[in-house]
Structure formats: structure tokens, C-alpha cells
Amino acid sequence: MEIEITHPAVNEYLHALLPERDPILQEMETLARERNIPIIGPVVGRILYQLVRLAKAKTIFEMGSAIGYSTLWIARGAGEGSAVYYTDSDPENARQAERFLERSGVRDRVQILIGDAIELLDQTPGTFDVIFNDVDKEQYPQVFHKAIPRLRKGGLFLADNVLWSGRVVQPPQDQNAATRGIVEFNRLIYSSPELYPTILPIRDGFAVCEKVK
């Protein structure tokens, strides 16, 4: 069972409102469509950009970056002098992302890390202003436990696909590993005393959590 989180007509309306993206973002969106590469898309991209700016974030760790579409939104939001960590297990994705980021003029603020995002987070020292989770969905609960201690108080923990095309409402016996991972992740963020979470029911569901303790 799959459900459109946002009604298709409303989704079309939102996209029609958007200002035209610059040629590099448009090229990335076209590549994602042609090769079936999952990206957050421009509606959520603008939310991500705005949240990074509002948080005045300068250290951002992205878990699952693919061709760098969300990385570009983050890097632009964070501005000069920021440190944005790109992670992906596919070297070809990383090469494509590096080319896009270079052409966009933000390569100097992005650290490109190749490998498992959870392991890379363990290997990267320090705390972060924002951690953005977009890895394989069965890993979401593990990301929760790893990421929260690495966020500064007042920082943001963000996650994509948290409504998972509506599969989160399936009976437990019908859920696959990915769906179970997201259901457990959503339970964890809403039961954590350290977080103030909100799930935005847009595109495929976007979680915004402030670390309050």
C-alpha cells in the first residue's frame, strides 16, 4: 500500500509556486529522474536550506548524500566558513557530487566521505549544529542512537522519508524491514526527552527535531 502524502494537485501547485532553480540544481533534478536516484526535491530542499540558515548552522553532517543534491542546498544555507560532511557508500555518486559542488562554488566547504554513514559519523570528531538522516531506512533507529549524542543543545536532527509513502500505517505483520525501521525511528524521536520533534507531512514526510536537553 502506498499513499500520496501530499495530494497530487496540491503537490503540483507547490511546485508551480517555486522560483526556477539555477541550472546546476535543474541538471541534478534531471539526472535523478533519468537514473531513478532518490533526492529530496526542491520543495524539501528549500525547507532544508531555510532550517540551516535559521539554526545558523556551521557544522552539518549529512548521512546519505547520493549525488549531492541536498548537500548543495545545505552548503548554500550554511554559507562561507561552514563545514558540511557529505557521506555516501558509492564512489561514483561521490565523484558526481564533487563535480556538481565544484561547479556551484561550494566545494571548499564540503568534506566528501565515502563509506557507511554511521561508521563515518563515528570516525568524525566533534559535535554538530545539524545532522540530516537520509540513509537506508532499516538503519534509522541506529542513526537515532548515534546522532543525538553528537548534536549540540539547540541543534537540529532532520530526517527524510519518515512517512514512507504511507507504509508507516500498515499493520505490523505487513511491514518490511525498511518500514519497521521508520516506524521505530518515529517512535524514538517522539518519546525522546532530548528532542522536540515535528513531522511535516510534505513529499514523503520530513522530520524536524530540536535538541532541547
N, C-alpha and C. Protein backbone atom coordinates (compact mmCIF):
# COMPACT_ATOMS: atom_id res chain seq x y z
N MET A 1 0.84 -1.20 0.00
CA MET A 1 0.00 0.00 0.00
C MET A 1 0.87 1.25 0.00
N GLU A 2 0.60 2.15 -0.93
CA GLU A 2 1.28 3.43 -0.95
C GLU A 2 0.24 4.54 -0.99
N ILE A 3 0.54 5.62 -0.29
CA ILE A 3 -0.37 6.76 -0.19
C ILE A 3 0.39 8.01 -0.61
N GLU A 4 -0.25 8.86 -1.40
CA GLU A 4 0.33 10.17 -1.69
C GLU A 4 0.24 11.03 -0.42
N ILE A 5 1.39 11.40 0.13
CA ILE A 5 1.39 12.18 1.37
C ILE A 5 0.76 13.55 1.14
N THR A 6 1.15 14.18 0.05
CA THR A 6 0.52 15.42 -0.37
C THR A 6 -0.32 15.13 -1.60
N HIS A 7 -1.56 15.59 -1.62
CA HIS A 7 -2.43 15.34 -2.77
C HIS A 7 -1.72 15.78 -4.05
N PRO A 8 -1.78 14.97 -5.11
CA PRO A 8 -1.05 15.32 -6.34
C PRO A 8 -1.33 16.73 -6.85
N ALA A 9 -2.58 17.18 -6.75
CA ALA A 9 -2.89 18.54 -7.23
C ALA A 9 -2.23 19.59 -6.35
N VAL A 10 -2.19 19.34 -5.04
CA VAL A 10 -1.51 20.27 -4.13
C VAL A 10 0.00 20.24 -4.40
N ASN A 11 0.52 19.05 -4.64
CA ASN A 11 1.94 18.92 -4.94
C ASN A 11 2.31 19.70 -6.20
N GLU A 12 1.48 19.58 -7.23
CA GLU A 12 1.71 20.34 -8.46
C GLU A 12 1.63 21.84 -8.21
N TYR A 13 0.68 22.24 -7.37
CA TYR A 13 0.55 23.66 -7.03
C TYR A 13 1.81 24.18 -6.34
N LEU A 14 2.33 23.40 -5.37
CA LEU A 14 3.53 23.82 -4.65
C LEU A 14 4.71 23.94 -5.60
N HIS A 15 4.86 22.98 -6.50
CA HIS A 15 5.97 23.04 -7.44
C HIS A 15 5.83 24.23 -8.40
N ALA A 16 4.59 24.53 -8.76
CA ALA A 16 4.37 25.65 -9.68
C ALA A 16 4.72 26.99 -9.03
N LEU A 17 4.61 27.07 -7.71
CA LEU A 17 4.95 28.29 -6.99
C LEU A 17 6.45 28.55 -6.93
N LEU A 18 7.23 27.50 -7.02
CA LEU A 18 8.66 27.63 -6.77
C LEU A 18 9.35 28.51 -7.81
N PRO A 19 10.26 29.35 -7.37
CA PRO A 19 11.10 30.05 -8.34
C PRO A 19 11.93 29.03 -9.12
N GLU A 20 12.30 29.36 -10.32
CA GLU A 20 13.11 28.46 -11.13
C GLU A 20 14.46 28.24 -10.45
N ARG A 21 14.88 26.98 -10.37
CA ARG A 21 16.18 26.68 -9.80
C ARG A 21 17.29 27.06 -10.77
N ASP A 22 18.48 27.22 -10.24
CA ASP A 22 19.62 27.53 -11.09
C ASP A 22 19.94 26.31 -11.95
N PRO A 23 20.71 26.49 -13.02
CA PRO A 23 20.95 25.40 -13.96
C PRO A 23 21.56 24.14 -13.33
N ILE A 24 22.40 24.29 -12.33
CA ILE A 24 23.03 23.11 -11.73
C ILE A 24 22.01 22.27 -10.96
N LEU A 25 21.16 22.91 -10.15
CA LEU A 25 20.11 22.17 -9.46
C LEU A 25 19.17 21.51 -10.47
N GLN A 26 18.82 22.22 -11.53
CA GLN A 26 17.96 21.63 -12.55
C GLN A 26 18.62 20.41 -13.19
N GLU A 27 19.92 20.52 -13.45
CA GLU A 27 20.64 19.39 -14.03
C GLU A 27 20.63 18.19 -13.08
N MET A 28 20.79 18.44 -11.80
CA MET A 28 20.76 17.35 -10.81
C MET A 28 19.38 16.72 -10.74
N GLU A 29 18.34 17.54 -10.80
CA GLU A 29 16.97 17.01 -10.77
C GLU A 29 16.69 16.14 -12.00
N THR A 30 17.19 16.58 -13.15
CA THR A 30 17.01 15.79 -14.37
C THR A 30 17.76 14.46 -14.27
N LEU A 31 18.99 14.51 -13.79
CA LEU A 31 19.78 13.28 -13.62
C LEU A 31 19.08 12.31 -12.66
N ALA A 32 18.54 12.84 -11.58
CA ALA A 32 17.85 11.99 -10.60
C ALA A 32 16.64 11.31 -11.23
N ARG A 33 15.88 12.06 -12.03
CA ARG A 33 14.72 11.46 -12.71
C ARG A 33 15.15 10.38 -13.69
N GLU A 34 16.17 10.67 -14.48
CA GLU A 34 16.60 9.74 -15.53
C GLU A 34 17.18 8.46 -14.95
N ARG A 35 17.86 8.55 -13.84
CA ARG A 35 18.55 7.38 -13.27
C ARG A 35 17.87 6.84 -12.02
N ASN A 36 16.69 7.38 -11.72
CA ASN A 36 15.93 6.92 -10.55
C ASN A 36 16.77 7.03 -9.27
N ILE A 37 17.44 8.17 -9.12
CA ILE A 37 18.24 8.44 -7.93
C ILE A 37 17.37 9.21 -6.93
N PRO A 38 17.20 8.70 -5.71
CA PRO A 38 16.36 9.42 -4.75
C PRO A 38 16.99 10.72 -4.28
N ILE A 39 16.27 11.82 -4.43
CA ILE A 39 16.69 13.12 -3.90
C ILE A 39 15.51 13.74 -3.17
N ILE A 40 15.77 14.75 -2.36
CA ILE A 40 14.70 15.35 -1.57
C ILE A 40 13.78 16.24 -2.41
N GLY A 41 14.25 16.71 -3.56
CA GLY A 41 13.43 17.57 -4.41
C GLY A 41 13.44 19.01 -3.93
N PRO A 42 12.97 19.92 -4.77
CA PRO A 42 13.11 21.35 -4.48
C PRO A 42 12.23 21.86 -3.34
N VAL A 43 11.05 21.26 -3.13
CA VAL A 43 10.19 21.75 -2.04
C VAL A 43 10.87 21.49 -0.69
N VAL A 44 11.34 20.27 -0.48
CA VAL A 44 12.04 19.95 0.77
C VAL A 44 13.43 20.58 0.78
N GLY A 45 14.04 20.72 -0.39
CA GLY A 45 15.34 21.40 -0.45
C GLY A 45 15.28 22.79 0.13
N ARG A 46 14.22 23.52 -0.18
CA ARG A 46 14.08 24.88 0.36
C ARG A 46 13.87 24.85 1.87
N ILE A 47 13.14 23.85 2.37
CA ILE A 47 12.96 23.72 3.83
C ILE A 47 14.31 23.47 4.49
N LEU A 48 15.08 22.56 3.91
CA LEU A 48 16.39 22.24 4.45
C LEU A 48 17.30 23.47 4.47
N TYR A 49 17.33 24.18 3.38
CA TYR A 49 18.12 25.42 3.28
C TYR A 49 17.70 26.42 4.36
N GLN A 50 16.40 26.59 4.51
CA GLN A 50 15.90 27.57 5.47
C GLN A 50 16.21 27.17 6.91
N LEU A 51 16.06 25.88 7.23
CA LEU A 51 16.35 25.42 8.58
C LEU A 51 17.83 25.59 8.92
N VAL A 52 18.70 25.31 7.98
CA VAL A 52 20.13 25.50 8.21
C VAL A 52 20.43 26.97 8.48
N ARG A 53 19.80 27.85 7.73
CA ARG A 53 20.01 29.28 7.94
C ARG A 53 19.45 29.74 9.30
N LEU A 54 18.24 29.29 9.62
CA LEU A 54 17.62 29.70 10.88
C LEU A 54 18.42 29.22 12.09
N ALA A 55 19.00 28.03 11.96
CA ALA A 55 19.82 27.48 13.05
C ALA A 55 21.21 28.10 13.09
N LYS A 56 21.52 28.93 12.08
CA LYS A 56 22.88 29.49 11.95
C LYS A 56 23.92 28.38 12.01
N ALA A 57 23.61 27.30 11.34
CA ALA A 57 24.45 26.10 11.41
C ALA A 57 25.74 26.29 10.63
N LYS A 58 26.83 25.85 11.23
CA LYS A 58 28.14 25.92 10.58
C LYS A 58 28.80 24.54 10.49
N THR A 59 28.34 23.60 11.28
CA THR A 59 28.84 22.23 11.18
C THR A 59 27.64 21.31 10.94
N ILE A 60 27.62 20.67 9.80
CA ILE A 60 26.48 19.86 9.39
C ILE A 60 26.97 18.50 8.91
N PHE A 61 26.39 17.45 9.43
CA PHE A 61 26.75 16.09 9.00
C PHE A 61 25.55 15.49 8.30
N GLU A 62 25.75 15.17 7.02
CA GLU A 62 24.68 14.58 6.21
C GLU A 62 24.92 13.09 6.06
N MET A 63 23.93 12.31 6.38
CA MET A 63 24.05 10.85 6.36
C MET A 63 23.25 10.30 5.19
N GLY A 64 23.95 10.04 4.09
CA GLY A 64 23.31 9.57 2.87
C GLY A 64 23.11 10.74 1.92
N SER A 65 24.06 10.94 0.99
CA SER A 65 24.07 12.17 0.20
C SER A 65 23.88 11.97 -1.29
N ALA A 66 24.03 10.72 -1.78
CA ALA A 66 23.83 10.40 -3.20
C ALA A 66 24.65 11.34 -4.10
N ILE A 67 23.98 12.03 -5.03
CA ILE A 67 24.71 12.90 -5.97
C ILE A 67 24.93 14.31 -5.42
N GLY A 68 24.61 14.52 -4.16
CA GLY A 68 24.91 15.80 -3.53
C GLY A 68 23.85 16.87 -3.68
N TYR A 69 22.63 16.48 -4.06
CA TYR A 69 21.56 17.47 -4.25
C TYR A 69 21.24 18.16 -2.93
N SER A 70 20.96 17.38 -1.89
CA SER A 70 20.68 18.01 -0.59
C SER A 70 21.93 18.66 -0.01
N THR A 71 23.10 18.11 -0.32
CA THR A 71 24.35 18.71 0.15
C THR A 71 24.49 20.13 -0.38
N LEU A 72 24.11 20.34 -1.62
CA LEU A 72 24.22 21.67 -2.22
C LEU A 72 23.28 22.65 -1.52
N TRP A 73 22.04 22.25 -1.26
CA TRP A 73 21.12 23.11 -0.51
C TRP A 73 21.70 23.45 0.88
N ILE A 74 22.25 22.43 1.55
CA ILE A 74 22.82 22.63 2.89
C ILE A 74 24.01 23.59 2.82
N ALA A 75 24.93 23.34 1.89
CA ALA A 75 26.14 24.15 1.81
C ALA A 75 25.82 25.61 1.50
N ARG A 76 24.84 25.83 0.64
CA ARG A 76 24.44 27.20 0.36
C ARG A 76 23.80 27.86 1.58
N GLY A 77 23.00 27.11 2.32
CA GLY A 77 22.37 27.65 3.52
C GLY A 77 23.38 27.96 4.61
N ALA A 78 24.39 27.12 4.74
CA ALA A 78 25.38 27.29 5.81
C ALA A 78 26.34 28.44 5.52
N GLY A 79 26.62 28.68 4.26
CA GLY A 79 27.45 29.82 3.89
C GLY A 79 28.94 29.57 4.04
N GLU A 80 29.70 30.62 3.75
CA GLU A 80 31.16 30.53 3.80
C GLU A 80 31.63 30.23 5.22
N GLY A 81 32.70 29.48 5.31
CA GLY A 81 33.27 29.15 6.61
C GLY A 81 32.62 27.97 7.30
N SER A 82 31.65 27.35 6.65
CA SER A 82 30.98 26.21 7.25
C SER A 82 31.72 24.91 6.91
N ALA A 83 31.38 23.85 7.64
CA ALA A 83 31.92 22.52 7.37
C ALA A 83 30.75 21.57 7.20
N VAL A 84 30.55 21.12 5.98
CA VAL A 84 29.45 20.22 5.63
C VAL A 84 30.06 18.87 5.27
N TYR A 85 29.58 17.82 5.92
CA TYR A 85 30.11 16.49 5.67
C TYR A 85 29.15 15.71 4.78
N TYR A 86 29.62 15.39 3.58
CA TYR A 86 28.89 14.56 2.62
C TYR A 86 29.28 13.11 2.88
N THR A 87 28.29 12.18 2.87
CA THR A 87 28.62 10.76 3.01
C THR A 87 27.82 9.94 2.01
N ASP A 88 28.49 8.99 1.40
CA ASP A 88 27.81 8.03 0.54
C ASP A 88 28.72 6.83 0.35
N SER A 89 28.11 5.67 0.18
CA SER A 89 28.90 4.44 0.04
C SER A 89 29.34 4.19 -1.40
N ASP A 90 28.80 4.95 -2.35
CA ASP A 90 29.07 4.73 -3.77
C ASP A 90 30.09 5.75 -4.27
N PRO A 91 31.30 5.31 -4.64
CA PRO A 91 32.31 6.27 -5.12
C PRO A 91 31.87 7.06 -6.34
N GLU A 92 31.07 6.45 -7.22
CA GLU A 92 30.61 7.17 -8.40
C GLU A 92 29.67 8.30 -8.02
N ASN A 93 28.76 8.05 -7.05
CA ASN A 93 27.93 9.13 -6.54
C ASN A 93 28.78 10.27 -6.01
N ALA A 94 29.83 9.90 -5.27
CA ALA A 94 30.70 10.93 -4.68
C ALA A 94 31.41 11.73 -5.76
N ARG A 95 31.87 11.06 -6.82
CA ARG A 95 32.52 11.78 -7.91
C ARG A 95 31.56 12.75 -8.59
N GLN A 96 30.33 12.30 -8.83
CA GLN A 96 29.34 13.19 -9.44
C GLN A 96 29.04 14.36 -8.53
N ALA A 97 28.87 14.07 -7.23
CA ALA A 97 28.58 15.14 -6.27
C ALA A 97 29.70 16.17 -6.24
N GLU A 98 30.94 15.69 -6.24
CA GLU A 98 32.08 16.61 -6.20
C GLU A 98 32.07 17.55 -7.40
N ARG A 99 31.75 17.01 -8.56
CA ARG A 99 31.71 17.86 -9.76
C ARG A 99 30.62 18.92 -9.65
N PHE A 100 29.44 18.51 -9.19
CA PHE A 100 28.35 19.48 -9.02
C PHE A 100 28.71 20.55 -7.99
N LEU A 101 29.29 20.14 -6.87
CA LEU A 101 29.62 21.08 -5.80
C LEU A 101 30.73 22.03 -6.25
N GLU A 102 31.67 21.51 -7.02
CA GLU A 102 32.74 22.37 -7.55
C GLU A 102 32.16 23.42 -8.48
N ARG A 103 31.30 23.00 -9.38
CA ARG A 103 30.69 23.95 -10.33
C ARG A 103 29.83 24.97 -9.62
N SER A 104 29.28 24.61 -8.47
CA SER A 104 28.41 25.53 -7.72
C SER A 104 29.18 26.48 -6.82
N GLY A 105 30.48 26.28 -6.71
CA GLY A 105 31.30 27.18 -5.91
C GLY A 105 31.27 26.93 -4.42
N VAL A 106 30.84 25.72 -4.00
CA VAL A 106 30.77 25.44 -2.56
C VAL A 106 31.67 24.27 -2.16
N ARG A 107 32.48 23.79 -3.10
CA ARG A 107 33.29 22.60 -2.81
C ARG A 107 34.19 22.79 -1.61
N ASP A 108 34.68 24.01 -1.39
CA ASP A 108 35.63 24.26 -0.31
C ASP A 108 35.03 24.09 1.07
N ARG A 109 33.71 24.10 1.19
CA ARG A 109 33.08 23.95 2.50
C ARG A 109 32.51 22.54 2.73
N VAL A 110 32.76 21.62 1.79
CA VAL A 110 32.21 20.26 1.88
C VAL A 110 33.34 19.25 2.00
N GLN A 111 33.25 18.41 3.03
CA GLN A 111 34.14 17.27 3.19
C GLN A 111 33.44 16.04 2.60
N ILE A 112 34.05 15.40 1.62
CA ILE A 112 33.43 14.25 0.96
C ILE A 112 33.99 12.98 1.58
N LEU A 113 33.10 12.20 2.21
CA LEU A 113 33.47 10.97 2.88
C LEU A 113 32.76 9.80 2.20
N ILE A 114 33.49 8.76 1.90
CA ILE A 114 32.93 7.60 1.20
C ILE A 114 32.93 6.40 2.14
N GLY A 115 31.76 5.77 2.28
CA GLY A 115 31.64 4.61 3.15
C GLY A 115 30.28 4.59 3.82
N ASP A 116 30.16 3.77 4.84
CA ASP A 116 28.92 3.68 5.61
C ASP A 116 28.76 4.94 6.46
N ALA A 117 27.61 5.59 6.35
CA ALA A 117 27.42 6.89 7.02
C ALA A 117 27.52 6.79 8.53
N ILE A 118 27.03 5.69 9.10
CA ILE A 118 27.08 5.54 10.56
C ILE A 118 28.52 5.38 11.02
N GLU A 119 29.29 4.57 10.30
CA GLU A 119 30.70 4.40 10.64
C GLU A 119 31.46 5.71 10.46
N LEU A 120 31.13 6.45 9.41
CA LEU A 120 31.80 7.72 9.16
C LEU A 120 31.48 8.75 10.25
N LEU A 121 30.25 8.72 10.75
CA LEU A 121 29.91 9.61 11.87
C LEU A 121 30.76 9.26 13.09
N ASP A 122 30.90 7.96 13.37
CA ASP A 122 31.73 7.53 14.50
C ASP A 122 33.17 8.01 14.34
N GLN A 123 33.65 8.06 13.10
CA GLN A 123 35.05 8.40 12.84
C GLN A 123 35.31 9.91 12.78
N THR A 124 34.24 10.69 12.74
CA THR A 124 34.39 12.14 12.60
C THR A 124 34.24 12.80 13.96
N PRO A 125 35.26 13.49 14.45
CA PRO A 125 35.18 14.06 15.80
C PRO A 125 34.29 15.29 15.87
N GLY A 126 33.92 15.65 17.10
CA GLY A 126 33.22 16.90 17.34
C GLY A 126 31.72 16.75 17.43
N THR A 127 31.07 17.87 17.67
CA THR A 127 29.61 17.94 17.69
C THR A 127 29.14 18.78 16.51
N PHE A 128 27.85 18.67 16.23
CA PHE A 128 27.31 19.29 15.02
C PHE A 128 26.10 20.15 15.34
N ASP A 129 25.91 21.15 14.50
CA ASP A 129 24.73 22.01 14.61
C ASP A 129 23.51 21.34 13.99
N VAL A 130 23.73 20.59 12.94
CA VAL A 130 22.65 19.88 12.24
C VAL A 130 23.18 18.52 11.81
N ILE A 131 22.35 17.49 12.02
CA ILE A 131 22.59 16.17 11.42
C ILE A 131 21.35 15.83 10.60
N PHE A 132 21.58 15.50 9.34
CA PHE A 132 20.49 15.16 8.42
C PHE A 132 20.58 13.69 8.06
N ASN A 133 19.53 12.94 8.36
CA ASN A 133 19.48 11.50 8.18
C ASN A 133 18.70 11.13 6.93
N ASP A 134 19.38 10.47 5.98
CA ASP A 134 18.70 10.01 4.77
C ASP A 134 19.37 8.72 4.26
N VAL A 135 19.66 7.81 5.19
CA VAL A 135 20.34 6.56 4.84
C VAL A 135 19.28 5.49 4.54
N ASP A 136 19.72 4.23 4.42
CA ASP A 136 18.78 3.13 4.26
C ASP A 136 17.84 3.09 5.46
N LYS A 137 16.57 2.86 5.19
CA LYS A 137 15.56 3.11 6.21
C LYS A 137 15.63 2.14 7.39
N GLU A 138 16.10 0.93 7.16
CA GLU A 138 16.22 -0.01 8.28
C GLU A 138 17.30 0.44 9.27
N GLN A 139 18.15 1.38 8.84
CA GLN A 139 19.20 1.90 9.72
C GLN A 139 18.74 3.09 10.56
N TYR A 140 17.54 3.57 10.33
CA TYR A 140 17.10 4.80 11.01
C TYR A 140 17.18 4.71 12.54
N PRO A 141 16.73 3.62 13.17
CA PRO A 141 16.86 3.59 14.64
C PRO A 141 18.31 3.66 15.11
N GLN A 142 19.20 3.00 14.40
CA GLN A 142 20.62 3.06 14.76
C GLN A 142 21.15 4.49 14.61
N VAL A 143 20.73 5.16 13.54
CA VAL A 143 21.14 6.56 13.36
C VAL A 143 20.68 7.41 14.54
N PHE A 144 19.45 7.21 14.97
CA PHE A 144 18.93 7.97 16.12
C PHE A 144 19.89 7.85 17.30
N HIS A 145 20.25 6.63 17.66
CA HIS A 145 21.09 6.41 18.85
C HIS A 145 22.49 6.98 18.67
N LYS A 146 22.99 6.98 17.43
CA LYS A 146 24.33 7.51 17.18
C LYS A 146 24.34 9.03 17.09
N ALA A 147 23.29 9.60 16.48
CA ALA A 147 23.31 11.02 16.14
C ALA A 147 23.02 11.94 17.32
N ILE A 148 22.06 11.57 18.16
CA ILE A 148 21.62 12.51 19.20
C ILE A 148 22.76 12.94 20.12
N PRO A 149 23.64 12.03 20.56
CA PRO A 149 24.75 12.49 21.41
C PRO A 149 25.73 13.40 20.69
N ARG A 150 25.70 13.45 19.37
CA ARG A 150 26.65 14.24 18.60
C ARG A 150 26.11 15.62 18.23
N LEU A 151 24.88 15.90 18.62
CA LEU A 151 24.28 17.21 18.36
C LEU A 151 24.50 18.15 19.54
N ARG A 152 24.77 19.40 19.23
CA ARG A 152 24.80 20.39 20.30
C ARG A 152 23.38 20.67 20.78
N LYS A 153 23.25 21.13 22.02
CA LYS A 153 21.94 21.58 22.50
C LYS A 153 21.47 22.74 21.64
N GLY A 154 20.22 22.67 21.19
CA GLY A 154 19.69 23.67 20.28
C GLY A 154 19.89 23.30 18.83
N GLY A 155 20.65 22.24 18.58
CA GLY A 155 20.87 21.79 17.21
C GLY A 155 19.66 21.06 16.66
N LEU A 156 19.70 20.76 15.36
CA LEU A 156 18.59 20.14 14.67
C LEU A 156 18.96 18.76 14.16
N PHE A 157 18.07 17.81 14.41
CA PHE A 157 18.16 16.47 13.85
C PHE A 157 17.04 16.35 12.83
N LEU A 158 17.40 16.16 11.57
CA LEU A 158 16.45 16.16 10.46
C LEU A 158 16.46 14.79 9.79
N ALA A 159 15.32 14.39 9.26
CA ALA A 159 15.25 13.09 8.57
C ALA A 159 14.21 13.15 7.47
N ASP A 160 14.55 12.53 6.34
CA ASP A 160 13.64 12.44 5.21
C ASP A 160 12.92 11.10 5.21
N ASN A 161 11.83 11.02 4.44
CA ASN A 161 11.09 9.78 4.18
C ASN A 161 10.44 9.17 5.43
N VAL A 162 10.07 9.98 6.41
CA VAL A 162 9.59 9.42 7.66
C VAL A 162 8.11 9.00 7.60
N LEU A 163 7.43 9.24 6.48
CA LEU A 163 6.08 8.71 6.28
C LEU A 163 6.08 7.60 5.23
N TRP A 164 7.14 7.49 4.45
CA TRP A 164 7.46 6.30 3.65
C TRP A 164 6.30 5.89 2.76
N SER A 165 5.80 6.86 1.99
CA SER A 165 4.66 6.63 1.07
C SER A 165 3.46 6.04 1.80
N GLY A 166 3.28 6.40 3.06
CA GLY A 166 2.14 5.94 3.84
C GLY A 166 2.29 4.55 4.40
N ARG A 167 3.40 3.87 4.12
CA ARG A 167 3.54 2.50 4.59
C ARG A 167 3.68 2.42 6.11
N VAL A 168 3.92 3.57 6.77
CA VAL A 168 4.02 3.58 8.23
C VAL A 168 2.70 3.18 8.90
N VAL A 169 1.58 3.23 8.18
CA VAL A 169 0.29 2.87 8.78
C VAL A 169 -0.09 1.42 8.48
N GLN A 170 0.77 0.67 7.82
CA GLN A 170 0.49 -0.74 7.59
C GLN A 170 0.45 -1.51 8.91
N PRO A 171 -0.35 -2.57 8.98
CA PRO A 171 -0.28 -3.45 10.15
C PRO A 171 1.13 -3.99 10.32
N PRO A 172 1.58 -4.17 11.54
CA PRO A 172 2.97 -4.62 11.77
C PRO A 172 3.34 -5.87 10.99
N GLN A 173 2.40 -6.80 10.85
CA GLN A 173 2.73 -8.05 10.16
C GLN A 173 2.98 -7.84 8.66
N ASP A 174 2.55 -6.71 8.13
CA ASP A 174 2.73 -6.43 6.70
C ASP A 174 3.95 -5.55 6.43
N GLN A 175 4.62 -5.10 7.46
CA GLN A 175 5.73 -4.17 7.28
C GLN A 175 7.02 -4.90 6.96
N ASN A 176 7.79 -4.37 6.01
CA ASN A 176 9.11 -4.91 5.74
C ASN A 176 10.14 -4.23 6.66
N ALA A 177 11.42 -4.60 6.50
CA ALA A 177 12.45 -4.09 7.42
C ALA A 177 12.58 -2.58 7.34
N ALA A 178 12.47 -2.03 6.13
CA ALA A 178 12.59 -0.58 5.97
C ALA A 178 11.46 0.14 6.69
N THR A 179 10.24 -0.35 6.50
CA THR A 179 9.09 0.29 7.15
C THR A 179 9.18 0.17 8.67
N ARG A 180 9.57 -0.99 9.14
CA ARG A 180 9.72 -1.17 10.60
C ARG A 180 10.78 -0.22 11.15
N GLY A 181 11.85 0.00 10.38
CA GLY A 181 12.88 0.93 10.82
C GLY A 181 12.36 2.34 10.97
N ILE A 182 11.55 2.78 10.02
CA ILE A 182 11.00 4.13 10.08
C ILE A 182 9.97 4.26 11.20
N VAL A 183 9.11 3.25 11.37
CA VAL A 183 8.12 3.28 12.44
C VAL A 183 8.82 3.38 13.80
N GLU A 184 9.87 2.60 13.98
CA GLU A 184 10.61 2.65 15.24
C GLU A 184 11.32 4.00 15.41
N PHE A 185 11.87 4.51 14.34
CA PHE A 185 12.53 5.82 14.39
C PHE A 185 11.55 6.90 14.82
N ASN A 186 10.36 6.91 14.24
CA ASN A 186 9.37 7.92 14.60
C ASN A 186 8.96 7.79 16.06
N ARG A 187 8.84 6.55 16.53
CA ARG A 187 8.52 6.34 17.95
C ARG A 187 9.65 6.90 18.82
N LEU A 188 10.89 6.66 18.42
CA LEU A 188 12.04 7.11 19.20
C LEU A 188 12.11 8.63 19.29
N ILE A 189 11.91 9.32 18.17
CA ILE A 189 12.04 10.79 18.24
C ILE A 189 10.94 11.41 19.08
N TYR A 190 9.74 10.83 19.03
CA TYR A 190 8.64 11.41 19.80
C TYR A 190 8.66 11.00 21.28
N SER A 191 9.39 9.96 21.60
CA SER A 191 9.48 9.55 23.01
C SER A 191 10.76 10.04 23.68
N SER A 192 11.64 10.67 22.93
CA SER A 192 12.91 11.12 23.50
C SER A 192 12.74 12.41 24.30
N PRO A 193 13.20 12.43 25.55
CA PRO A 193 13.15 13.67 26.33
C PRO A 193 14.14 14.71 25.84
N GLU A 194 15.08 14.30 24.99
CA GLU A 194 16.10 15.21 24.49
C GLU A 194 15.65 16.00 23.26
N LEU A 195 14.55 15.59 22.65
CA LEU A 195 14.14 16.18 21.38
C LEU A 195 12.76 16.81 21.46
N TYR A 196 12.56 17.85 20.65
CA TYR A 196 11.23 18.38 20.38
C TYR A 196 10.98 18.14 18.89
N PRO A 197 10.21 17.09 18.55
CA PRO A 197 10.07 16.70 17.14
C PRO A 197 8.77 17.17 16.50
N THR A 198 8.85 17.37 15.19
CA THR A 198 7.67 17.61 14.36
C THR A 198 7.88 16.87 13.05
N ILE A 199 6.84 16.17 12.58
CA ILE A 199 6.88 15.57 11.26
C ILE A 199 6.03 16.42 10.33
N LEU A 200 6.68 16.91 9.29
CA LEU A 200 5.97 17.70 8.27
C LEU A 200 5.44 16.76 7.20
N PRO A 201 4.12 16.71 6.99
CA PRO A 201 3.56 15.77 6.01
C PRO A 201 3.64 16.33 4.59
N ILE A 202 4.86 16.48 4.12
CA ILE A 202 5.10 17.02 2.79
C ILE A 202 6.03 16.08 2.05
N ARG A 203 5.83 15.94 0.74
CA ARG A 203 6.54 14.97 -0.09
C ARG A 203 6.43 13.58 0.54
N ASP A 204 7.51 13.06 1.17
CA ASP A 204 7.45 11.73 1.77
C ASP A 204 7.57 11.78 3.28
N GLY A 205 7.31 12.96 3.85
CA GLY A 205 7.41 13.13 5.30
C GLY A 205 8.81 13.57 5.69
N PHE A 206 8.90 14.71 6.39
CA PHE A 206 10.19 15.29 6.77
C PHE A 206 10.16 15.60 8.25
N ALA A 207 11.08 15.00 9.01
CA ALA A 207 11.12 15.18 10.47
C ALA A 207 12.09 16.30 10.83
N VAL A 208 11.62 17.19 11.70
CA VAL A 208 12.43 18.30 12.21
C VAL A 208 12.43 18.18 13.73
N CYS A 209 13.61 17.94 14.32
CA CYS A 209 13.71 17.75 15.77
C CYS A 209 14.75 18.70 16.33
N GLU A 210 14.35 19.48 17.30
CA GLU A 210 15.30 20.33 18.02
C GLU A 210 15.80 19.58 19.24
N LYS A 211 17.11 19.61 19.47
CA LYS A 211 17.66 19.00 20.68
C LYS A 211 17.53 20.01 21.82
N VAL A 212 16.71 19.69 22.79
CA VAL A 212 16.37 20.65 23.84
C VAL A 212 17.10 20.34 25.16
N LYS A 213 17.71 19.18 25.27
CA LYS A 213 18.45 18.84 26.50
C LYS A 213 19.81 18.26 26.14
